[in-house]
PDB file of all heavy atoms in Angstrom:
ATOM      1  N   ILE A   1     -51.133  46.120  54.035  1.00  0.00           N
ATOM      2  CA  ILE A   1     -49.680  45.910  53.998  1.00  0.00           C
ATOM      3  C   ILE A   1     -49.362  44.424  54.157  1.00  0.00           C
ATOM      4  O   ILE A   1     -48.464  43.903  53.492  1.00  0.00           O
ATOM      5  CB  ILE A   1     -48.991  46.733  55.104  1.00  0.00           C
ATOM      6  CG1 ILE A   1     -49.284  48.229  54.929  1.00  0.00           C
ATOM      7  CG2 ILE A   1     -47.480  46.494  55.091  1.00  0.00           C
ATOM      8  CD1 ILE A   1     -48.791  49.097  56.080  1.00  0.00           C
ATOM      9  N   ALA A   2     -50.112  43.728  55.011  1.00  0.00           N
ATOM     10  CA  ALA A   2     -49.892  42.290  55.226  1.00  0.00           C
ATOM     11  C   ALA A   2     -50.137  41.500  53.942  1.00  0.00           C
ATOM     12  O   ALA A   2     -49.427  40.530  53.651  1.00  0.00           O
ATOM     13  CB  ALA A   2     -50.795  41.782  56.343  1.00  0.00           C
ATOM     14  N   LEU A   3     -51.145  41.908  53.151  1.00  0.00           N
ATOM     15  CA  LEU A   3     -51.408  41.235  51.873  1.00  0.00           C
ATOM     16  C   LEU A   3     -50.243  41.455  50.904  1.00  0.00           C
ATOM     17  O   LEU A   3     -49.847  40.541  50.168  1.00  0.00           O
ATOM     18  CB  LEU A   3     -52.711  41.771  51.260  1.00  0.00           C
ATOM     19  CG  LEU A   3     -54.016  41.398  51.990  1.00  0.00           C
ATOM     20  CD1 LEU A   3     -55.197  42.141  51.366  1.00  0.00           C
ATOM     21  CD2 LEU A   3     -54.253  39.891  51.930  1.00  0.00           C
ATOM     22  N   VAL A   4     -49.704  42.665  50.931  1.00  0.00           N
ATOM     23  CA  VAL A   4     -48.538  42.970  50.086  1.00  0.00           C
ATOM     24  C   VAL A   4     -47.344  42.127  50.524  1.00  0.00           C
ATOM     25  O   VAL A   4     -46.651  41.524  49.691  1.00  0.00           O
ATOM     26  CB  VAL A   4     -48.193  44.473  50.168  1.00  0.00           C
ATOM     27  CG1 VAL A   4     -46.873  44.750  49.446  1.00  0.00           C
ATOM     28  CG2 VAL A   4     -49.316  45.319  49.568  1.00  0.00           C
ATOM     29  N   VAL A   5     -47.106  42.086  51.822  1.00  0.00           N
ATOM     30  CA  VAL A   5     -45.996  41.310  52.369  1.00  0.00           C
ATOM     31  C   VAL A   5     -46.081  39.858  51.926  1.00  0.00           C
ATOM     32  O   VAL A   5     -45.089  39.232  51.556  1.00  0.00           O
ATOM     33  CB  VAL A   5     -45.963  41.421  53.908  1.00  0.00           C
ATOM     34  CG1 VAL A   5     -45.057  40.356  54.521  1.00  0.00           C
ATOM     35  CG2 VAL A   5     -45.505  42.818  54.337  1.00  0.00           C
ATOM     36  N   ASN A   6     -47.272  39.309  51.962  1.00  0.00           N
ATOM     37  CA  ASN A   6     -47.471  37.915  51.568  1.00  0.00           C
ATOM     38  C   ASN A   6     -47.031  37.672  50.120  1.00  0.00           C
ATOM     39  O   ASN A   6     -46.546  36.595  49.775  1.00  0.00           O
ATOM     40  CB  ASN A   6     -48.934  37.527  51.746  1.00  0.00           C
ATOM     41  CG  ASN A   6     -49.190  36.065  51.429  1.00  0.00           C
ATOM     42  OD1 ASN A   6     -48.567  35.181  52.014  1.00  0.00           O
ATOM     43  ND2 ASN A   6     -50.073  35.811  50.486  1.00  0.00           N
ATOM     44  N   LEU A   7     -47.180  38.692  49.275  1.00  0.00           N
ATOM     45  CA  LEU A   7     -46.838  38.556  47.862  1.00  0.00           C
ATOM     46  C   LEU A   7     -45.344  38.713  47.583  1.00  0.00           C
ATOM     47  O   LEU A   7     -44.840  38.167  46.598  1.00  0.00           O
ATOM     48  CB  LEU A   7     -47.612  39.593  47.037  1.00  0.00           C
ATOM     49  CG  LEU A   7     -49.135  39.408  46.945  1.00  0.00           C
ATOM     50  CD1 LEU A   7     -49.772  40.607  46.252  1.00  0.00           C
ATOM     51  CD2 LEU A   7     -49.475  38.122  46.196  1.00  0.00           C
ATOM     52  N   ILE A   8     -44.646  39.445  48.433  1.00  0.00           N
ATOM     53  CA  ILE A   8     -43.249  39.779  48.088  1.00  0.00           C
ATOM     54  C   ILE A   8     -42.200  39.180  49.030  1.00  0.00           C
ATOM     55  O   ILE A   8     -41.009  39.214  48.744  1.00  0.00           O
ATOM     56  CB  ILE A   8     -43.051  41.317  48.005  1.00  0.00           C
ATOM     57  CG1 ILE A   8     -43.493  42.022  49.300  1.00  0.00           C
ATOM     58  CG2 ILE A   8     -43.806  41.884  46.827  1.00  0.00           C
ATOM     59  CD1 ILE A   8     -42.418  42.310  50.296  1.00  0.00           C
ATOM     60  N   LYS A   9     -42.602  38.598  50.145  1.00  0.00           N
ATOM     61  CA  LYS A   9     -41.598  38.189  51.137  1.00  0.00           C
ATOM     62  C   LYS A   9     -40.726  37.015  50.681  1.00  0.00           C
ATOM     63  O   LYS A   9     -39.629  36.834  51.199  1.00  0.00           O
ATOM     64  CB  LYS A   9     -42.254  37.876  52.488  1.00  0.00           C
ATOM     65  CG  LYS A   9     -43.079  36.598  52.542  1.00  0.00           C
ATOM     66  CD  LYS A   9     -43.621  36.391  53.955  1.00  0.00           C
ATOM     67  CE  LYS A   9     -44.352  35.068  54.095  1.00  0.00           C
ATOM     68  NZ  LYS A   9     -44.861  34.858  55.469  1.00  0.00           N
ATOM     69  N   GLU A  10     -41.206  36.250  49.693  1.00  0.00           N
ATOM     70  CA  GLU A  10     -40.390  35.126  49.219  1.00  0.00           C
ATOM     71  C   GLU A  10     -39.109  35.606  48.536  1.00  0.00           C
ATOM     72  O   GLU A  10     -38.162  34.845  48.371  1.00  0.00           O
ATOM     73  CB  GLU A  10     -41.184  34.229  48.280  1.00  0.00           C
ATOM     74  CG  GLU A  10     -41.559  34.874  46.958  1.00  0.00           C
ATOM     75  CD  GLU A  10     -42.269  33.909  46.031  1.00  0.00           C
ATOM     76  OE1 GLU A  10     -42.080  32.702  46.200  1.00  0.00           O
ATOM     77  OE2 GLU A  10     -43.018  34.372  45.150  1.00  0.00           O
ATOM     78  N   ARG A  11     -39.068  36.886  48.151  1.00  0.00           N
ATOM     79  CA  ARG A  11     -37.861  37.438  47.530  1.00  0.00           C
ATOM     80  C   ARG A  11     -37.050  38.283  48.504  1.00  0.00           C
ATOM     81  O   ARG A  11     -36.065  38.909  48.111  1.00  0.00           O
ATOM     82  CB  ARG A  11     -38.245  38.281  46.307  1.00  0.00           C
ATOM     83  CG  ARG A  11     -38.721  37.432  45.139  1.00  0.00           C
ATOM     84  CD  ARG A  11     -39.143  38.272  43.950  1.00  0.00           C
ATOM     85  NE  ARG A  11     -40.361  39.027  44.213  1.00  0.00           N
ATOM     86  CZ  ARG A  11     -41.590  38.514  44.157  1.00  0.00           C
ATOM     87  NH1 ARG A  11     -41.748  37.229  43.854  1.00  0.00           N
ATOM     88  NH2 ARG A  11     -42.651  39.232  44.419  1.00  0.00           N
ATOM     89  N   ALA A  12     -37.479  38.310  49.772  1.00  0.00           N
ATOM     90  CA  ALA A  12     -36.810  39.168  50.765  1.00  0.00           C
ATOM     91  C   ALA A  12     -35.956  38.359  51.727  1.00  0.00           C
ATOM     92  O   ALA A  12     -36.262  37.205  52.035  1.00  0.00           O
ATOM     93  CB  ALA A  12     -37.862  39.954  51.547  1.00  0.00           C
ATOM     94  N   THR A  13     -34.894  38.985  52.205  1.00  0.00           N
ATOM     95  CA  THR A  13     -34.085  38.413  53.269  1.00  0.00           C
ATOM     96  C   THR A  13     -34.316  39.159  54.574  1.00  0.00           C
ATOM     97  O   THR A  13     -34.302  38.574  55.647  1.00  0.00           O
ATOM     98  CB  THR A  13     -32.588  38.482  52.904  1.00  0.00           C
ATOM     99  OG1 THR A  13     -32.375  37.737  51.701  1.00  0.00           O
ATOM    100  CG2 THR A  13     -31.707  37.890  54.002  1.00  0.00           C
ATOM    101  N   TYR A  14     -34.548  40.481  54.465  1.00  0.00           N
ATOM    102  CA  TYR A  14     -34.793  41.324  55.636  1.00  0.00           C
ATOM    103  C   TYR A  14     -36.066  42.139  55.412  1.00  0.00           C
ATOM    104  O   TYR A  14     -36.470  42.378  54.269  1.00  0.00           O
ATOM    105  CB  TYR A  14     -33.636  42.305  55.872  1.00  0.00           C
ATOM    106  CG  TYR A  14     -32.269  41.700  55.757  1.00  0.00           C
ATOM    107  CD1 TYR A  14     -31.467  41.954  54.639  1.00  0.00           C
ATOM    108  CD2 TYR A  14     -31.755  40.889  56.763  1.00  0.00           C
ATOM    109  CE1 TYR A  14     -30.196  41.416  54.527  1.00  0.00           C
ATOM    110  CE2 TYR A  14     -30.489  40.349  56.653  1.00  0.00           C
ATOM    111  CZ  TYR A  14     -29.714  40.608  55.544  1.00  0.00           C
ATOM    112  OH  TYR A  14     -28.468  40.064  55.423  1.00  0.00           O
ATOM    113  N   ILE A  15     -36.636  42.603  56.484  1.00  0.00           N
ATOM    114  CA  ILE A  15     -37.800  43.499  56.374  1.00  0.00           C
ATOM    115  C   ILE A  15     -37.402  44.775  55.635  1.00  0.00           C
ATOM    116  O   ILE A  15     -38.208  45.368  54.914  1.00  0.00           O
ATOM    117  CB  ILE A  15     -38.369  43.818  57.772  1.00  0.00           C
ATOM    118  CG1 ILE A  15     -38.969  42.538  58.386  1.00  0.00           C
ATOM    119  CG2 ILE A  15     -39.426  44.921  57.706  1.00  0.00           C
ATOM    120  CD1 ILE A  15     -39.406  42.669  59.829  1.00  0.00           C
ATOM    121  N   SER A  16     -36.140  45.174  55.784  1.00  0.00           N
ATOM    122  CA  SER A  16     -35.669  46.377  55.095  1.00  0.00           C
ATOM    123  C   SER A  16     -35.668  46.216  53.575  1.00  0.00           C
ATOM    124  O   SER A  16     -35.555  47.194  52.837  1.00  0.00           O
ATOM    125  CB  SER A  16     -34.259  46.753  55.571  1.00  0.00           C
ATOM    126  OG  SER A  16     -33.357  45.683  55.360  1.00  0.00           O
ATOM    127  N   ASP A  17     -35.803  44.980  53.077  1.00  0.00           N
ATOM    128  CA  ASP A  17     -35.898  44.743  51.629  1.00  0.00           C
ATOM    129  C   ASP A  17     -37.297  45.040  51.088  1.00  0.00           C
ATOM    130  O   ASP A  17     -37.480  45.163  49.872  1.00  0.00           O
ATOM    131  CB  ASP A  17     -35.585  43.275  51.295  1.00  0.00           C
ATOM    132  CG  ASP A  17     -34.154  42.887  51.601  1.00  0.00           C
ATOM    133  OD1 ASP A  17     -33.292  43.783  51.608  1.00  0.00           O
ATOM    134  OD2 ASP A  17     -33.900  41.680  51.831  1.00  0.00           O
ATOM    135  N   PHE A  18     -38.275  45.105  51.984  1.00  0.00           N
ATOM    136  CA  PHE A  18     -39.684  45.143  51.561  1.00  0.00           C
ATOM    137  C   PHE A  18     -40.006  46.337  50.656  1.00  0.00           C
ATOM    138  O   PHE A  18     -40.722  46.193  49.669  1.00  0.00           O
ATOM    139  CB  PHE A  18     -40.617  45.162  52.776  1.00  0.00           C
ATOM    140  CG  PHE A  18     -40.774  43.830  53.463  1.00  0.00           C
ATOM    141  CD1 PHE A  18     -41.567  43.719  54.600  1.00  0.00           C
ATOM    142  CD2 PHE A  18     -40.148  42.691  52.979  1.00  0.00           C
ATOM    143  CE1 PHE A  18     -41.731  42.498  55.240  1.00  0.00           C
ATOM    144  CE2 PHE A  18     -40.315  41.458  53.611  1.00  0.00           C
ATOM    145  CZ  PHE A  18     -41.103  41.367  54.752  1.00  0.00           C
ATOM    146  N   TRP A  19     -39.496  47.521  50.991  1.00  0.00           N
ATOM    147  CA  TRP A  19     -39.908  48.706  50.228  1.00  0.00           C
ATOM    148  C   TRP A  19     -39.481  48.605  48.774  1.00  0.00           C
ATOM    149  O   TRP A  19     -40.276  48.866  47.863  1.00  0.00           O
ATOM    150  CB  TRP A  19     -39.364  49.979  50.858  1.00  0.00           C
ATOM    151  CG  TRP A  19     -39.768  51.208  50.081  1.00  0.00           C
ATOM    152  CD1 TRP A  19     -38.985  51.990  49.303  1.00  0.00           C
ATOM    153  CD2 TRP A  19     -41.094  51.756  49.983  1.00  0.00           C
ATOM    154  NE1 TRP A  19     -39.722  52.997  48.716  1.00  0.00           N
ATOM    155  CE2 TRP A  19     -41.016  52.877  49.122  1.00  0.00           C
ATOM    156  CE3 TRP A  19     -42.316  51.412  50.532  1.00  0.00           C
ATOM    157  CZ2 TRP A  19     -42.125  53.655  48.807  1.00  0.00           C
ATOM    158  CZ3 TRP A  19     -43.430  52.193  50.220  1.00  0.00           C
ATOM    159  CH2 TRP A  19     -43.328  53.291  49.367  1.00  0.00           C
ATOM    160  N   ASN A  20     -38.245  48.223  48.533  1.00  0.00           N
ATOM    161  CA  ASN A  20     -37.781  48.100  47.149  1.00  0.00           C
ATOM    162  C   ASN A  20     -38.558  47.047  46.377  1.00  0.00           C
ATOM    163  O   ASN A  20     -38.702  47.141  45.151  1.00  0.00           O
ATOM    164  CB  ASN A  20     -36.292  47.756  47.120  1.00  0.00           C
ATOM    165  CG  ASN A  20     -35.422  48.958  47.431  1.00  0.00           C
ATOM    166  OD1 ASN A  20     -35.842  50.105  47.261  1.00  0.00           O
ATOM    167  ND2 ASN A  20     -34.210  48.702  47.902  1.00  0.00           N
ATOM    168  N   LEU A  21     -39.055  46.042  47.088  1.00  0.00           N
ATOM    169  CA  LEU A  21     -39.811  44.966  46.443  1.00  0.00           C
ATOM    170  C   LEU A  21     -41.293  45.287  46.288  1.00  0.00           C
ATOM    171  O   LEU A  21     -41.997  44.599  45.554  1.00  0.00           O
ATOM    172  CB  LEU A  21     -39.670  43.669  47.259  1.00  0.00           C
ATOM    173  CG  LEU A  21     -38.283  43.019  47.294  1.00  0.00           C
ATOM    174  CD1 LEU A  21     -38.260  41.901  48.338  1.00  0.00           C
ATOM    175  CD2 LEU A  21     -37.916  42.461  45.919  1.00  0.00           C
ATOM    176  N   SER A  22     -41.774  46.329  46.970  1.00  0.00           N
ATOM    177  CA  SER A  22     -43.231  46.535  47.012  1.00  0.00           C
ATOM    178  C   SER A  22     -43.698  47.972  46.856  1.00  0.00           C
ATOM    179  O   SER A  22     -44.895  48.244  46.936  1.00  0.00           O
ATOM    180  CB  SER A  22     -43.764  46.019  48.360  1.00  0.00           C
ATOM    181  OG  SER A  22     -43.320  46.854  49.424  1.00  0.00           O
ATOM    182  N   HIS A  23     -42.792  48.907  46.594  1.00  0.00           N
ATOM    183  CA  HIS A  23     -43.170  50.329  46.564  1.00  0.00           C
ATOM    184  C   HIS A  23     -44.318  50.606  45.598  1.00  0.00           C
ATOM    185  O   HIS A  23     -45.154  51.485  45.823  1.00  0.00           O
ATOM    186  CB  HIS A  23     -41.963  51.196  46.205  1.00  0.00           C
ATOM    187  CG  HIS A  23     -41.345  50.845  44.894  1.00  0.00           C
ATOM    188  ND1 HIS A  23     -41.750  51.398  43.698  1.00  0.00           N
ATOM    189  CD2 HIS A  23     -40.351  49.968  44.578  1.00  0.00           C
ATOM    190  CE1 HIS A  23     -41.049  50.891  42.709  1.00  0.00           C
ATOM    191  NE2 HIS A  23     -40.181  50.020  43.207  1.00  0.00           N
ATOM    192  N   TYR A  24     -44.407  49.847  44.522  1.00  0.00           N
ATOM    193  CA  TYR A  24     -45.442  50.076  43.504  1.00  0.00           C
ATOM    194  C   TYR A  24     -46.838  49.695  43.992  1.00  0.00           C
ATOM    195  O   TYR A  24     -47.837  50.025  43.340  1.00  0.00           O
ATOM    196  CB  TYR A  24     -45.096  49.310  42.225  1.00  0.00           C
ATOM    197  CG  TYR A  24     -44.693  47.877  42.468  1.00  0.00           C
ATOM    198  CD1 TYR A  24     -45.641  46.873  42.558  1.00  0.00           C
ATOM    199  CD2 TYR A  24     -43.343  47.549  42.634  1.00  0.00           C
ATOM    200  CE1 TYR A  24     -45.256  45.567  42.807  1.00  0.00           C
ATOM    201  CE2 TYR A  24     -42.959  46.243  42.877  1.00  0.00           C
ATOM    202  CZ  TYR A  24     -43.916  45.256  42.963  1.00  0.00           C
ATOM    203  OH  TYR A  24     -43.546  43.966  43.209  1.00  0.00           O
ATOM    204  N   PHE A  25     -46.933  49.012  45.119  1.00  0.00           N
ATOM    205  CA  PHE A  25     -48.246  48.735  45.705  1.00  0.00           C
ATOM    206  C   PHE A  25     -48.789  49.961  46.439  1.00  0.00           C
ATOM    207  O   PHE A  25     -49.968  50.027  46.769  1.00  0.00           O
ATOM    208  CB  PHE A  25     -48.167  47.567  46.703  1.00  0.00           C
ATOM    209  CG  PHE A  25     -48.090  46.213  46.061  1.00  0.00           C
ATOM    210  CD1 PHE A  25     -46.892  45.523  46.002  1.00  0.00           C
ATOM    211  CD2 PHE A  25     -49.232  45.621  45.514  1.00  0.00           C
ATOM    212  CE1 PHE A  25     -46.820  44.272  45.419  1.00  0.00           C
ATOM    213  CE2 PHE A  25     -49.174  44.373  44.930  1.00  0.00           C
ATOM    214  CZ  PHE A  25     -47.961  43.688  44.875  1.00  0.00           C
ATOM    215  N   PHE A  26     -47.901  50.920  46.706  1.00  0.00           N
ATOM    216  CA  PHE A  26     -48.272  52.070  47.527  1.00  0.00           C
ATOM    217  C   PHE A  26     -48.192  53.394  46.781  1.00  0.00           C
ATOM    218  O   PHE A  26     -48.768  54.387  47.206  1.00  0.00           O
ATOM    219  CB  PHE A  26     -47.366  52.123  48.764  1.00  0.00           C
ATOM    220  CG  PHE A  26     -47.330  50.831  49.538  1.00  0.00           C
ATOM    221  CD1 PHE A  26     -46.230  49.980  49.447  1.00  0.00           C
ATOM    222  CD2 PHE A  26     -48.402  50.456  50.333  1.00  0.00           C
ATOM    223  CE1 PHE A  26     -46.197  48.790  50.164  1.00  0.00           C
ATOM    224  CE2 PHE A  26     -48.380  49.260  51.044  1.00  0.00           C
ATOM    225  CZ  PHE A  26     -47.277  48.423  50.959  1.00  0.00           C
ATOM    226  N   GLU A  27     -47.455  53.425  45.660  1.00  0.00           N
ATOM    227  CA  GLU A  27     -47.346  54.657  44.894  1.00  0.00           C
ATOM    228  C   GLU A  27     -47.087  54.329  43.425  1.00  0.00           C
ATOM    229  O   GLU A  27     -46.502  53.290  43.108  1.00  0.00           O
ATOM    230  CB  GLU A  27     -46.224  55.545  45.448  1.00  0.00           C
ATOM    231  CG  GLU A  27     -44.853  54.889  45.454  1.00  0.00           C
ATOM    232  CD  GLU A  27     -43.776  55.755  46.095  1.00  0.00           C
ATOM    233  OE1 GLU A  27     -44.121  56.674  46.857  1.00  0.00           O
ATOM    234  OE2 GLU A  27     -42.587  55.500  45.831  1.00  0.00           O
ATOM    235  N   SER A  28     -47.534  55.226  42.548  1.00  0.00           N
ATOM    236  CA  SER A  28     -47.351  55.018  41.110  1.00  0.00           C
ATOM    237  C   SER A  28     -45.883  55.142  40.740  1.00  0.00           C
ATOM    238  O   SER A  28     -45.137  55.869  41.401  1.00  0.00           O
ATOM    239  CB  SER A  28     -48.141  56.069  40.328  1.00  0.00           C
ATOM    240  OG  SER A  28     -49.515  55.952  40.593  1.00  0.00           O
ATOM    241  N   PRO A  29     -45.472  54.453  39.681  1.00  0.00           N
ATOM    242  CA  PRO A  29     -44.076  54.586  39.243  1.00  0.00           C
ATOM    243  C   PRO A  29     -43.748  56.034  38.893  1.00  0.00           C
ATOM    244  O   PRO A  29     -44.554  56.721  38.261  1.00  0.00           O
ATOM    245  CB  PRO A  29     -44.010  53.710  37.993  1.00  0.00           C
ATOM    246  CG  PRO A  29     -45.143  52.754  38.122  1.00  0.00           C
ATOM    247  CD  PRO A  29     -46.222  53.493  38.844  1.00  0.00           C
ATOM    248  N   LYS A  30     -42.591  56.496  39.340  1.00  0.00           N
ATOM    249  CA  LYS A  30     -42.157  57.862  39.031  1.00  0.00           C
ATOM    250  C   LYS A  30     -41.248  57.870  37.800  1.00  0.00           C
ATOM    251  O   LYS A  30     -40.992  58.911  37.208  1.00  0.00           O
ATOM    252  CB  LYS A  30     -41.425  58.457  40.226  1.00  0.00           C
ATOM    253  CG  LYS A  30     -42.331  58.689  41.447  1.00  0.00           C
ATOM    254  CD  LYS A  30     -41.544  59.323  42.593  1.00  0.00           C
ATOM    255  CE  LYS A  30     -42.467  59.729  43.744  1.00  0.00           C
ATOM    256  NZ  LYS A  30     -43.185  58.596  44.337  1.00  0.00           N
ATOM    257  N   ALA A  31     -40.767  56.690  37.447  1.00  0.00           N
ATOM    258  CA  ALA A  31     -39.908  56.554  36.270  1.00  0.00           C
ATOM    259  C   ALA A  31     -40.023  55.127  35.755  1.00  0.00           C
ATOM    260  O   ALA A  31     -40.549  54.249  36.451  1.00  0.00           O
ATOM    261  CB  ALA A  31     -38.459  56.882  36.640  1.00  0.00           C
ATOM    262  N   TYR A  32     -39.558  54.905  34.544  1.00  0.00           N
ATOM    263  CA  TYR A  32     -39.643  53.568  33.933  1.00  0.00           C
ATOM    264  C   TYR A  32     -38.238  53.133  33.523  1.00  0.00           C
ATOM    265  O   TYR A  32     -37.492  53.914  32.925  1.00  0.00           O
ATOM    266  CB  TYR A  32     -40.573  53.602  32.719  1.00  0.00           C
ATOM    267  CG  TYR A  32     -41.971  54.035  33.067  1.00  0.00           C
ATOM    268  CD1 TYR A  32     -42.337  55.383  33.000  1.00  0.00           C
ATOM    269  CD2 TYR A  32     -42.929  53.112  33.486  1.00  0.00           C
ATOM    270  CE1 TYR A  32     -43.619  55.802  33.339  1.00  0.00           C
ATOM    271  CE2 TYR A  32     -44.211  53.517  33.829  1.00  0.00           C
ATOM    272  CZ  TYR A  32     -44.548  54.871  33.754  1.00  0.00           C
ATOM    273  OH  TYR A  32     -45.820  55.259  34.104  1.00  0.00           O
ATOM    274  N   ASP A  33     -37.910  51.904  33.860  1.00  0.00           N
ATOM    275  CA  ASP A  33     -36.594  51.369  33.529  1.00  0.00           C
ATOM    276  C   ASP A  33     -36.351  51.480  32.021  1.00  0.00           C
ATOM    277  O   ASP A  33     -37.160  51.011  31.211  1.00  0.00           O
ATOM    278  CB  ASP A  33     -36.509  49.902  33.980  1.00  0.00           C
ATOM    279  CG  ASP A  33     -35.151  49.303  33.697  1.00  0.00           C
ATOM    280  OD1 ASP A  33     -34.237  49.495  34.523  1.00  0.00           O
ATOM    281  OD2 ASP A  33     -35.017  48.641  32.657  1.00  0.00           O
ATOM    282  N   GLU A  34     -35.247  52.117  31.642  1.00  0.00           N
ATOM    283  CA  GLU A  34     -34.988  52.420  30.229  1.00  0.00           C
ATOM    284  C   GLU A  34     -34.836  51.158  29.385  1.00  0.00           C
ATOM    285  O   GLU A  34     -35.427  51.030  28.312  1.00  0.00           O
ATOM    286  CB  GLU A  34     -33.719  53.276  30.125  1.00  0.00           C
ATOM    287  CG  GLU A  34     -33.449  53.771  28.725  1.00  0.00           C
ATOM    288  CD  GLU A  34     -32.237  54.692  28.656  1.00  0.00           C
ATOM    289  OE1 GLU A  34     -31.768  55.144  29.730  1.00  0.00           O
ATOM    290  OE2 GLU A  34     -31.750  54.934  27.536  1.00  0.00           O
ATOM    291  N   LYS A  35     -34.056  50.218  29.877  1.00  0.00           N
ATOM    292  CA  LYS A  35     -33.826  48.973  29.146  1.00  0.00           C
ATOM    293  C   LYS A  35     -35.122  48.185  28.999  1.00  0.00           C
ATOM    294  O   LYS A  35     -35.446  47.646  27.913  1.00  0.00           O
ATOM    295  CB  LYS A  35     -32.774  48.136  29.864  1.00  0.00           C
ATOM    296  CG  LYS A  35     -32.307  46.915  29.101  1.00  0.00           C
ATOM    297  CD  LYS A  35     -31.188  46.206  29.859  1.00  0.00           C
ATOM    298  CE  LYS A  35     -30.743  44.963  29.097  1.00  0.00           C
ATOM    299  NZ  LYS A  35     -29.665  44.244  29.845  1.00  0.00           N
ATOM    300  N   ALA A  36     -35.917  48.144  30.086  1.00  0.00           N
ATOM    301  CA  ALA A  36     -37.193  47.425  30.057  1.00  0.00           C
ATOM    302  C   ALA A  36     -38.182  48.114  29.122  1.00  0.00           C
ATOM    303  O   ALA A  36     -38.977  47.451  28.435  1.00  0.00           O
ATOM    304  CB  ALA A  36     -37.770  47.341  31.470  1.00  0.00           C
ATOM    305  N   SER A  37     -38.132  49.434  29.073  1.00  0.00           N
ATOM    306  CA  SER A  37     -39.051  50.196  28.209  1.00  0.00           C
ATOM    307  C   SER A  37     -38.816  49.860  26.737  1.00  0.00           C
ATOM    308  O   SER A  37     -39.767  49.668  25.960  1.00  0.00           O
ATOM    309  CB  SER A  37     -38.856  51.692  28.437  1.00  0.00           C
ATOM    310  OG  SER A  37     -39.130  52.036  29.775  1.00  0.00           O
TER     311      SER A  37
END
């Protein structure tokens, strides 16, 4: 988790931001952004 934090914390303001910024390090995508697809 600390290695993940090191990669994403520059885009975070709070620790509560971490999950939205890093969920893909812990679980596979359940959906794909339509516009990006």
